């Protein structure tokens, strides 16, 4: 191997400086983000980014949150922080489910409008139906904040119509809340820099969206289906681990570096946010054990990307990560008239499971 003499330190520093200048030049592209709302007793601090500039307002705490700055608008009711939402529902006549949106608001909105779940003005149009999103709103894409506020407001609208919106926690929600920023879109890296706080602090427990995220479950049973981001191995059925225990312990140790053994199991590779066994090594007997214990016929999961919504393992598993993260198209799962359907991007439906 041919060896070259080492470059002088001054030259290396000069090259590094040029590289930093290039990175700074790229980061000057104008962008806006927000709002981030922190609650302080009787006031709220509202922060946002407008054309690469940080802005801040301190307002009196009210029940309504309105915001109209730099092309970003928000008009919603502030929700009262609550304990865990219910996780078991029965006799639901219709529902829709999707997963892994990853900051792609345009694809999400198109899907929901084309299937009459919301209208063109972001208003709930699904009546008493339920909308389930099995995690991973965060990371990869550029519209995470927009999606979170959209879903925050939509949840209130759904309740007023006797419907429900269920946002379940995925591995990327957990990563962000624990300041694991490996997959942050560069827009949010810039937001961190401009607002002077790491991503986990922008969603701290005293923020509106941080409180809201902490109220979310990680597993949901609706009619004859069990919903989660990744899945569960059969060991959870063998050990008779209830839905209530999974949600309670997951919530308790959601943002915690010191977790007891069972919590480590929940947050590990074979827990509900990371498991991928349904797509490679689980047996039919193990799947049947899970279905029997949780008294369901289907397990509905995201996390493992597909080209479309699919029923696998003799319809025991429904895969709903339809690669929305690429920002081009996606699908959702529809339940109506006692059957399951693929909801295609253009609004067409195709029977999946009778």
Foldseek 3Di string as FASTA:
>chain_A
DDDDDDDDPVVVVVVVVVVVVVVVVVVQQFDKDDWQWFDDVQWIKTWIAAGLAIDIDIGGDDQWDWDDPNNDTATAGQDDQDAADDFEAAPAFKEKEFEALAQQVVQVVLLCCLQQQAHPVLAGRPQQYEYEYAENLHFLYDHSRVVLRSVVRNQVRQVVSNHGYAYAYALRVLCQLQLNCPGHDVVVVSVCVNVVHGSNVSLDCRIRSVSVNLNHFQWHHYHQEIEHAADAWLVCLVVLPDSVNLRVQCSVCSHPPDHDDVNCCQSDCRHRRRDHCVPPPHDLVRLVSVSVSNVHQAYEYEPDEDCFWAQDPPNRYIYRRNPSSVNDHGWMWMRHPNFIWIQGSNNDIDGHGD
